[in-house]
Amino acid sequence: MKVVALIPARYAASRFPGKLMQPLGNKTVIRHTAEATQATLLFDQVIVVTDSDQIEAEINKFGGVCKKSTKSFESGTDRIAEIAATMDADIIVNVQGDTPFIKKEPLAALLKAFDSPIVEVASLMQPILDHKLIQDPNVVKVVTDLANDALYFSRNPIPYIRDKNNSTIYYEHIGVYAFRKKTLLEFTTWPVSSLESTEKLEQLRYLEHSTKIRMVKTDYSSIAIDTPADLVRANIHLASL
């Protein structure tokens, strides 16, 4: 299979504008993400897809590959689909631009999910070890069925523990997706769904259109940069490596 990594990189993020150009150690967040993705050696191509001249200049500065989207998009998936439509590829991996600590092992496990011909979309999840994050609406939670296909994603804590004597493992959805090209392009033809609009989670569009998302468990330490507080946590984590 020909596998391509596309990294959507929107400058004007709603919760933390300009976050991808913020310094993380001695590099920008987007440079960390692009270089970490390239370093896995899993992909035939790694391309940053952006609406920003500033981000394009940053990627070009260190010799990365960048393509500009031609119009405004609501979601990163819609943004990468425009580029994917022009490419010869079997599997497209959407590596979020705000995941600077992405590693080879979880991405390799994600790609292995496509050994099954019934898998059209796959994504990553990790156990939530810090219980304060369970209540954080910026940390997206996911619950799955016995085949590890997603049942629902939410900013609220799911599942709700009614009997306090019971315990459960909460899983955080890591915003890294892999798609068969055909399924990715189908996504762009569907209107924004009601649950997607309510939770502001684009992955719910797949579930509302009866397309399963195979979730792959990983235990690597991932910090997505959604807020200034996340950037503080990421710098602390980077200093500890």
C-alpha atoms as a PDB file:
ATOM      1  CA  MET A   1       0.000   0.000   0.000  1.00  0.00           C
ATOM      2  CA  LYS A   2       1.106   3.549  -0.681  1.00  0.00           C
ATOM      3  CA  VAL A   3       0.779   5.488   2.555  1.00  0.00           C
ATOM      4  CA  VAL A   4       0.892   9.276   2.837  1.00  0.00           C
ATOM      5  CA  ALA A   5       0.871  11.425   5.980  1.00  0.00           C
ATOM      6  CA  LEU A   6      -0.940  14.752   5.683  1.00  0.00           C
ATOM      7  CA  ILE A   7      -0.664  17.258   8.539  1.00  0.00           C
ATOM      8  CA  PRO A   8      -3.459  19.865   8.606  1.00  0.00           C
ATOM      9  CA  ALA A   9      -2.077  23.099  10.022  1.00  0.00           C
ATOM     10  CA  ARG A  10      -4.600  25.902  10.431  1.00  0.00           C
ATOM     11  CA  TYR A  11      -3.168  29.087  11.871  1.00  0.00           C
ATOM     12  CA  ALA A  12      -6.294  30.632  13.401  1.00  0.00           C
ATOM     13  CA  ALA A  13      -7.245  27.851  15.811  1.00  0.00           C
ATOM     14  CA  SER A  14     -10.369  28.860  17.739  1.00  0.00           C
ATOM     15  CA  ARG A  15      -9.150  27.996  21.259  1.00  0.00           C
ATOM     16  CA  PHE A  16      -5.493  28.969  20.833  1.00  0.00           C
ATOM     17  CA  PRO A  17      -4.811  31.097  17.726  1.00  0.00           C
ATOM     18  CA  GLY A  18      -1.300  30.713  16.348  1.00  0.00           C
ATOM     19  CA  LYS A  19      -0.592  27.701  18.552  1.00  0.00           C
ATOM     20  CA  LEU A  20       1.310  25.823  15.836  1.00  0.00           C
ATOM     21  CA  MET A  21       3.860  28.620  15.622  1.00  0.00           C
ATOM     22  CA  GLN A  22       4.401  28.756  19.382  1.00  0.00           C
ATOM     23  CA  PRO A  23       7.860  27.759  20.647  1.00  0.00           C
ATOM     24  CA  LEU A  24       8.183  24.294  22.131  1.00  0.00           C
ATOM     25  CA  GLY A  25      11.757  24.067  23.333  1.00  0.00           C
ATOM     26  CA  ASN A  26      13.831  25.532  20.517  1.00  0.00           C
ATOM     27  CA  LYS A  27      11.423  24.668  17.674  1.00  0.00           C
ATOM     28  CA  THR A  28       7.834  25.534  16.799  1.00  0.00           C
ATOM     29  CA  VAL A  29       5.019  23.101  17.561  1.00  0.00           C
ATOM     30  CA  ILE A  30       4.376  22.437  13.859  1.00  0.00           C
ATOM     31  CA  ARG A  31       8.048  21.772  13.166  1.00  0.00           C
ATOM     32  CA  HIS A  32       8.176  19.225  16.013  1.00  0.00           C
ATOM     33  CA  THR A  33       5.120  17.460  14.577  1.00  0.00           C
ATOM     34  CA  ALA A  34       6.375  17.419  10.988  1.00  0.00           C
ATOM     35  CA  GLU A  35       9.864  16.219  11.913  1.00  0.00           C
ATOM     36  CA  ALA A  36       8.550  13.561  14.306  1.00  0.00           C
ATOM     37  CA  THR A  37       6.229  12.243  11.581  1.00  0.00           C
ATOM     38  CA  GLN A  38       9.063  12.126   9.042  1.00  0.00           C
ATOM     39  CA  ALA A  39      11.332  10.372  11.539  1.00  0.00           C
ATOM     40  CA  THR A  40       8.990   7.355  11.744  1.00  0.00           C
ATOM     41  CA  LEU A  41       9.960   6.352   8.162  1.00  0.00           C
ATOM     42  CA  LEU A  42       6.479   4.872   7.744  1.00  0.00           C
ATOM     43  CA  PHE A  43       5.314   7.113   4.934  1.00  0.00           C
ATOM     44  CA  ASP A  44       5.959   7.511   1.236  1.00  0.00           C
ATOM     45  CA  GLN A  45       5.348  11.242   1.708  1.00  0.00           C
ATOM     46  CA  VAL A  46       4.817  13.662   4.622  1.00  0.00           C
ATOM     47  CA  ILE A  47       3.064  16.907   3.662  1.00  0.00           C
ATOM     48  CA  VAL A  48       1.901  19.818   5.809  1.00  0.00           C
ATOM     49  CA  VAL A  49      -1.368  21.290   4.508  1.00  0.00           C
ATOM     50  CA  THR A  50      -1.992  24.861   5.633  1.00  0.00           C
ATOM     51  CA  ASP A  51      -3.908  28.078   4.999  1.00  0.00           C
ATOM     52  CA  SER A  52      -1.058  30.175   6.396  1.00  0.00           C
ATOM     53  CA  ASP A  53       1.856  31.863   4.649  1.00  0.00           C
ATOM     54  CA  GLN A  54       3.642  31.931   8.014  1.00  0.00           C
ATOM     55  CA  ILE A  55       3.348  28.181   8.528  1.00  0.00           C
ATOM     56  CA  GLU A  56       4.320  27.523   4.901  1.00  0.00           C
ATOM     57  CA  ALA A  57       7.478  29.599   5.393  1.00  0.00           C
ATOM     58  CA  GLU A  58       8.300  27.719   8.601  1.00  0.00           C
ATOM     59  CA  ILE A  59       8.008  24.311   6.899  1.00  0.00           C
ATOM     60  CA  ASN A  60      10.039  25.421   3.886  1.00  0.00           C
ATOM     61  CA  LYS A  61      12.723  26.811   6.202  1.00  0.00           C
ATOM     62  CA  PHE A  62      13.706  23.344   7.448  1.00  0.00           C
ATOM     63  CA  GLY A  63      13.221  21.560   4.121  1.00  0.00           C
ATOM     64  CA  GLY A  64       9.782  20.083   4.748  1.00  0.00           C
ATOM     65  CA  VAL A  65       7.020  19.744   2.163  1.00  0.00           C
ATOM     66  CA  CYS A  66       4.038  22.076   2.417  1.00  0.00           C
ATOM     67  CA  LYS A  67       0.945  22.639   0.290  1.00  0.00           C
ATOM     68  CA  LYS A  68      -1.516  25.509   0.605  1.00  0.00           C
ATOM     69  CA  SER A  69      -5.238  24.775   0.735  1.00  0.00           C
ATOM     70  CA  THR A  70      -7.197  26.796  -1.816  1.00  0.00           C
ATOM     71  CA  LYS A  71     -10.108  27.792   0.407  1.00  0.00           C
ATOM     72  CA  SER A  72     -11.285  27.904   4.003  1.00  0.00           C
ATOM     73  CA  PHE A  73     -12.326  24.631   5.636  1.00  0.00           C
ATOM     74  CA  GLU A  74     -14.189  23.951   8.863  1.00  0.00           C
ATOM     75  CA  SER A  75     -12.290  20.754   9.677  1.00  0.00           C
ATOM     76  CA  GLY A  76      -8.783  19.405   9.264  1.00  0.00           C
ATOM     77  CA  THR A  77     -10.213  16.350   7.520  1.00  0.00           C
ATOM     78  CA  ASP A  78     -11.854  18.505   4.857  1.00  0.00           C
ATOM     79  CA  ARG A  79      -8.566  20.400   4.457  1.00  0.00           C
ATOM     80  CA  ILE A  80      -6.444  17.297   3.815  1.00  0.00           C
ATOM     81  CA  ALA A  81      -9.085  15.735   1.564  1.00  0.00           C
ATOM     82  CA  GLU A  82      -8.563  18.517  -0.976  1.00  0.00           C
ATOM     83  CA  ILE A  83      -4.899  17.488  -1.290  1.00  0.00           C
ATOM     84  CA  ALA A  84      -5.568  13.743  -0.989  1.00  0.00           C
ATOM     85  CA  ALA A  85      -7.923  13.872  -3.979  1.00  0.00           C
ATOM     86  CA  THR A  86      -4.972  14.768  -6.215  1.00  0.00           C
ATOM     87  CA  MET A  87      -2.648  12.050  -4.888  1.00  0.00           C
ATOM     88  CA  ASP A  88      -1.930   8.446  -5.784  1.00  0.00           C
ATOM     89  CA  ALA A  89      -2.312   6.841  -2.360  1.00  0.00           C
ATOM     90  CA  ASP A  90      -4.107   3.934  -0.730  1.00  0.00           C
ATOM     91  CA  ILE A  91      -4.038   5.068   2.894  1.00  0.00           C
ATOM     92  CA  ILE A  92      -4.042   8.670   4.084  1.00  0.00           C
ATOM     93  CA  VAL A  93      -2.921   9.356   7.647  1.00  0.00           C
ATOM     94  CA  ASN A  94      -4.080  12.611   9.214  1.00  0.00           C
ATOM     95  CA  VAL A  95      -1.499  13.606  11.821  1.00  0.00           C
ATOM     96  CA  GLN A  96      -2.824  16.635  13.702  1.00  0.00           C
ATOM     97  CA  GLY A  97      -0.409  19.546  13.597  1.00  0.00           C
ATOM     98  CA  ASP A  98      -0.688  20.022  17.358  1.00  0.00           C
ATOM     99  CA  THR A  99       0.643  16.536  18.303  1.00  0.00           C
ATOM    100  CA  PRO A 100       4.396  17.208  18.552  1.00  0.00           C
ATOM    101  CA  PHE A 101       5.242  13.988  20.408  1.00  0.00           C
ATOM    102  CA  ILE A 102       3.892  11.557  17.819  1.00  0.00           C
ATOM    103  CA  LYS A 103       5.965   8.359  17.605  1.00  0.00           C
ATOM    104  CA  LYS A 104       6.473   5.442  15.261  1.00  0.00           C
ATOM    105  CA  GLU A 105       4.959   2.643  17.363  1.00  0.00           C
ATOM    106  CA  PRO A 106       1.380   3.958  17.611  1.00  0.00           C
ATOM    107  CA  LEU A 107       1.382   5.018  13.948  1.00  0.00           C
ATOM    108  CA  ALA A 108       2.605   1.554  12.907  1.00  0.00           C
ATOM    109  CA  ALA A 109      -0.189  -0.017  14.995  1.00  0.00           C
ATOM    110  CA  LEU A 110      -2.695   2.325  13.374  1.00  0.00           C
ATOM    111  CA  LEU A 111      -1.602   1.267   9.899  1.00  0.00           C
ATOM    112  CA  LYS A 112      -1.742  -2.418  10.887  1.00  0.00           C
ATOM    113  CA  ALA A 113      -5.484  -2.018  11.510  1.00  0.00           C
ATOM    114  CA  PHE A 114      -5.882  -1.891   7.725  1.00  0.00           C
ATOM    115  CA  ASP A 115      -4.766  -5.506   7.451  1.00  0.00           C
ATOM    116  CA  SER A 116      -8.485  -6.075   7.982  1.00  0.00           C
ATOM    117  CA  PRO A 117     -10.364  -5.314   4.752  1.00  0.00           C
ATOM    118  CA  ILE A 118     -13.428  -4.135   6.679  1.00  0.00           C
ATOM    119  CA  VAL A 119     -11.568  -1.228   8.320  1.00  0.00           C
ATOM    120  CA  GLU A 120     -12.206   2.048   6.495  1.00  0.00           C
ATOM    121  CA  VAL A 121     -11.170   4.531   9.199  1.00  0.00           C
ATOM    122  CA  ALA A 122      -8.915   4.043  12.229  1.00  0.00           C
ATOM    123  CA  SER A 123      -7.742   6.282  15.042  1.00  0.00           C
ATOM    124  CA  LEU A 124      -5.798   6.202  18.324  1.00  0.00           C
ATOM    125  CA  MET A 125      -6.821   6.283  21.960  1.00  0.00           C
ATOM    126  CA  GLN A 126      -4.878   6.197  25.220  1.00  0.00           C
ATOM    127  CA  PRO A 127      -5.872   5.615  28.865  1.00  0.00           C
ATOM    128  CA  ILE A 128      -6.400   8.801  30.853  1.00  0.00           C
ATOM    129  CA  LEU A 129      -4.080   8.567  33.839  1.00  0.00           C
ATOM    130  CA  ASP A 130      -4.632  12.068  35.230  1.00  0.00           C
ATOM    131  CA  HIS A 131      -8.191  12.051  36.598  1.00  0.00           C
ATOM    132  CA  LYS A 132      -8.439  15.838  36.378  1.00  0.00           C
ATOM    133  CA  LEU A 133      -8.392  15.478  32.604  1.00  0.00           C
ATOM    134  CA  ILE A 134     -11.557  13.350  32.632  1.00  0.00           C
ATOM    135  CA  GLN A 135     -13.587  16.466  33.417  1.00  0.00           C
ATOM    136  CA  ASP A 136     -11.711  18.669  30.924  1.00  0.00           C
ATOM    137  CA  PRO A 137     -13.876  19.380  27.832  1.00  0.00           C
ATOM    138  CA  ASN A 138     -10.711  19.950  25.783  1.00  0.00           C
ATOM    139  CA  VAL A 139      -9.821  16.274  26.330  1.00  0.00           C
ATOM    140  CA  VAL A 140     -12.052  14.197  24.050  1.00  0.00           C
ATOM    141  CA  LYS A 141     -13.206  10.891  25.490  1.00  0.00           C
ATOM    142  CA  VAL A 142     -14.187   7.790  23.504  1.00  0.00           C
ATOM    143  CA  VAL A 143     -16.031   4.563  24.301  1.00  0.00           C
ATOM    144  CA  THR A 144     -15.826   1.475  22.101  1.00  0.00           C
ATOM    145  CA  ASP A 145     -17.564  -1.819  21.446  1.00  0.00           C
ATOM    146  CA  LEU A 146     -15.929  -5.228  21.937  1.00  0.00           C
ATOM    147  CA  ALA A 147     -14.278  -4.994  18.493  1.00  0.00           C
ATOM    148  CA  ASN A 148     -12.718  -1.647  19.497  1.00  0.00           C
ATOM    149  CA  ASP A 149     -14.932   0.269  17.083  1.00  0.00           C
ATOM    150  CA  ALA A 150     -15.960   3.653  18.464  1.00  0.00           C
ATOM    151  CA  LEU A 151     -19.460   3.905  19.888  1.00  0.00           C
ATOM    152  CA  TYR A 152     -19.251   7.609  20.729  1.00  0.00           C
ATOM    153  CA  PHE A 153     -16.873  10.508  21.272  1.00  0.00           C
ATOM    154  CA  SER A 154     -17.601  13.295  23.736  1.00  0.00           C
ATOM    155  CA  ARG A 155     -16.111  16.240  25.556  1.00  0.00           C
ATOM    156  CA  ASN A 156     -18.053  15.046  28.599  1.00  0.00           C
ATOM    157  CA  PRO A 157     -16.842  12.145  30.747  1.00  0.00           C
ATOM    158  CA  ILE A 158     -18.099   8.925  29.169  1.00  0.00           C
ATOM    159  CA  PRO A 159     -19.151   6.472  30.407  1.00  0.00           C
ATOM    160  CA  TYR A 160     -21.012   7.924  33.378  1.00  0.00           C
ATOM    161  CA  ILE A 161     -20.319   5.842  36.513  1.00  0.00           C
ATOM    162  CA  ARG A 162     -23.696   5.466  38.199  1.00  0.00           C
ATOM    163  CA  ASP A 163     -22.538   2.944  40.810  1.00  0.00           C
ATOM    164  CA  LYS A 164     -19.599   4.584  42.558  1.00  0.00           C
ATOM    165  CA  ASN A 165     -18.353   1.142  43.673  1.00  0.00           C
ATOM    166  CA  ASN A 166     -17.559   0.354  40.047  1.00  0.00           C
ATOM    167  CA  SER A 167     -14.461   1.550  38.275  1.00  0.00           C
ATOM    168  CA  THR A 168     -13.688   2.041  34.617  1.00  0.00           C
ATOM    169  CA  ILE A 169     -10.829   3.097  32.390  1.00  0.00           C
ATOM    170  CA  TYR A 170     -11.432   6.353  30.541  1.00  0.00           C
ATOM    171  CA  TYR A 171      -9.834   6.704  27.144  1.00  0.00           C
ATOM    172  CA  GLU A 172      -8.692   9.917  25.503  1.00  0.00           C
ATOM    173  CA  HIS A 173      -9.093  10.140  21.768  1.00  0.00           C
ATOM    174  CA  ILE A 174      -5.799  11.109  20.133  1.00  0.00           C
ATOM    175  CA  GLY A 175      -6.623  13.059  16.979  1.00  0.00           C
ATOM    176  CA  VAL A 176      -4.592  10.930  14.577  1.00  0.00           C
ATOM    177  CA  TYR A 177      -6.675   9.260  11.875  1.00  0.00           C
ATOM    178  CA  ALA A 178      -5.999   6.910   8.998  1.00  0.00           C
ATOM    179  CA  PHE A 179      -8.418   6.509   6.095  1.00  0.00           C
ATOM    180  CA  ARG A 180      -8.760   4.582   2.927  1.00  0.00           C
ATOM    181  CA  LYS A 181      -8.667   7.307   0.295  1.00  0.00           C
ATOM    182  CA  LYS A 182     -12.187   6.579  -0.987  1.00  0.00           C
ATOM    183  CA  THR A 183     -13.680   6.868   2.504  1.00  0.00           C
ATOM    184  CA  LEU A 184     -11.869  10.124   3.204  1.00  0.00           C
ATOM    185  CA  LEU A 185     -13.236  11.667   0.012  1.00  0.00           C
ATOM    186  CA  GLU A 186     -16.756  10.452   0.849  1.00  0.00           C
ATOM    187  CA  PHE A 187     -16.536  12.322   4.167  1.00  0.00           C
ATOM    188  CA  THR A 188     -16.304  15.631   2.339  1.00  0.00           C
ATOM    189  CA  THR A 189     -19.589  15.014   0.502  1.00  0.00           C
ATOM    190  CA  TRP A 190     -21.570  14.641   3.736  1.00  0.00           C
ATOM    191  CA  PRO A 191     -23.069  17.729   5.395  1.00  0.00           C
ATOM    192  CA  VAL A 192     -21.983  18.616   8.934  1.00  0.00           C
ATOM    193  CA  SER A 193     -24.036  16.341  11.174  1.00  0.00           C
ATOM    194  CA  SER A 194     -26.067  17.398  14.212  1.00  0.00           C
ATOM    195  CA  LEU A 195     -23.870  15.659  16.778  1.00  0.00           C
ATOM    196  CA  GLU A 196     -20.736  17.010  15.109  1.00  0.00           C
ATOM    197  CA  SER A 197     -22.166  20.517  15.311  1.00  0.00           C
ATOM    198  CA  THR A 198     -23.186  20.057  18.962  1.00  0.00           C
ATOM    199  CA  GLU A 199     -19.897  18.638  20.272  1.00  0.00           C
ATOM    200  CA  LYS A 200     -17.649  20.320  17.676  1.00  0.00           C
ATOM    201  CA  LEU A 201     -16.090  16.927  16.931  1.00  0.00           C
ATOM    202  CA  GLU A 202     -15.762  16.089  13.247  1.00  0.00           C
ATOM    203  CA  GLN A 203     -15.330  12.345  13.874  1.00  0.00           C
ATOM    204  CA  LEU A 204     -18.995  12.167  14.859  1.00  0.00           C
ATOM    205  CA  ARG A 205     -19.855  12.800  11.193  1.00  0.00           C
ATOM    206  CA  TYR A 206     -18.541   9.317  10.408  1.00  0.00           C
ATOM    207  CA  LEU A 207     -20.569   7.674  13.169  1.00  0.00           C
ATOM    208  CA  GLU A 208     -23.751   9.479  12.150  1.00  0.00           C
ATOM    209  CA  HIS A 209     -23.240   8.197   8.611  1.00  0.00           C
ATOM    210  CA  SER A 210     -22.828   4.605   9.871  1.00  0.00           C
ATOM    211  CA  THR A 211     -19.100   4.449   9.113  1.00  0.00           C
ATOM    212  CA  LYS A 212     -17.174   2.684  11.866  1.00  0.00           C
ATOM    213  CA  ILE A 213     -13.933   4.011  13.305  1.00  0.00           C
ATOM    214  CA  ARG A 214     -11.571   1.292  14.521  1.00  0.00           C
ATOM    215  CA  MET A 215      -9.835   2.521  17.681  1.00  0.00           C
ATOM    216  CA  VAL A 216      -6.275   1.389  18.359  1.00  0.00           C
ATOM    217  CA  LYS A 217      -5.080   1.459  21.962  1.00  0.00           C
ATOM    218  CA  THR A 218      -1.733   3.001  22.736  1.00  0.00           C
ATOM    219  CA  ASP A 219      -0.002   3.930  25.958  1.00  0.00           C
ATOM    220  CA  TYR A 220       2.523   6.435  24.691  1.00  0.00           C
ATOM    221  CA  SER A 221       2.512   9.888  26.269  1.00  0.00           C
ATOM    222  CA  SER A 222       0.659  12.248  23.977  1.00  0.00           C
ATOM    223  CA  ILE A 223      -0.005  15.919  24.623  1.00  0.00           C
ATOM    224  CA  ALA A 224      -2.065  17.771  22.043  1.00  0.00           C
ATOM    225  CA  ILE A 225      -1.619  21.533  22.124  1.00  0.00           C
ATOM    226  CA  ASP A 226      -5.185  22.833  22.367  1.00  0.00           C
ATOM    227  CA  THR A 227      -4.722  25.529  25.022  1.00  0.00           C
ATOM    228  CA  PRO A 228      -1.909  27.629  26.526  1.00  0.00           C
ATOM    229  CA  ALA A 229      -1.976  25.274  29.524  1.00  0.00           C
ATOM    230  CA  ASP A 230      -1.276  22.334  27.178  1.00  0.00           C
ATOM    231  CA  LEU A 231       1.769  24.177  25.839  1.00  0.00           C
ATOM    232  CA  VAL A 232       3.078  24.562  29.395  1.00  0.00           C
ATOM    233  CA  ARG A 233       2.572  20.818  29.975  1.00  0.00           C
ATOM    234  CA  ALA A 234       4.285  20.048  26.663  1.00  0.00           C
ATOM    235  CA  ASN A 235       7.346  22.129  27.525  1.00  0.00           C
ATOM    236  CA  ILE A 236       7.598  20.390  30.893  1.00  0.00           C
ATOM    237  CA  HIS A 237       7.303  17.010  29.161  1.00  0.00           C
ATOM    238  CA  LEU A 238       9.922  17.938  26.551  1.00  0.00           C
ATOM    239  CA  ALA A 239      12.361  19.037  29.264  1.00  0.00           C
ATOM    240  CA  SER A 240      11.951  15.651  30.962  1.00  0.00           C
ATOM    241  CA  LEU A 241      12.909  13.628  27.869  1.00  0.00           C
END
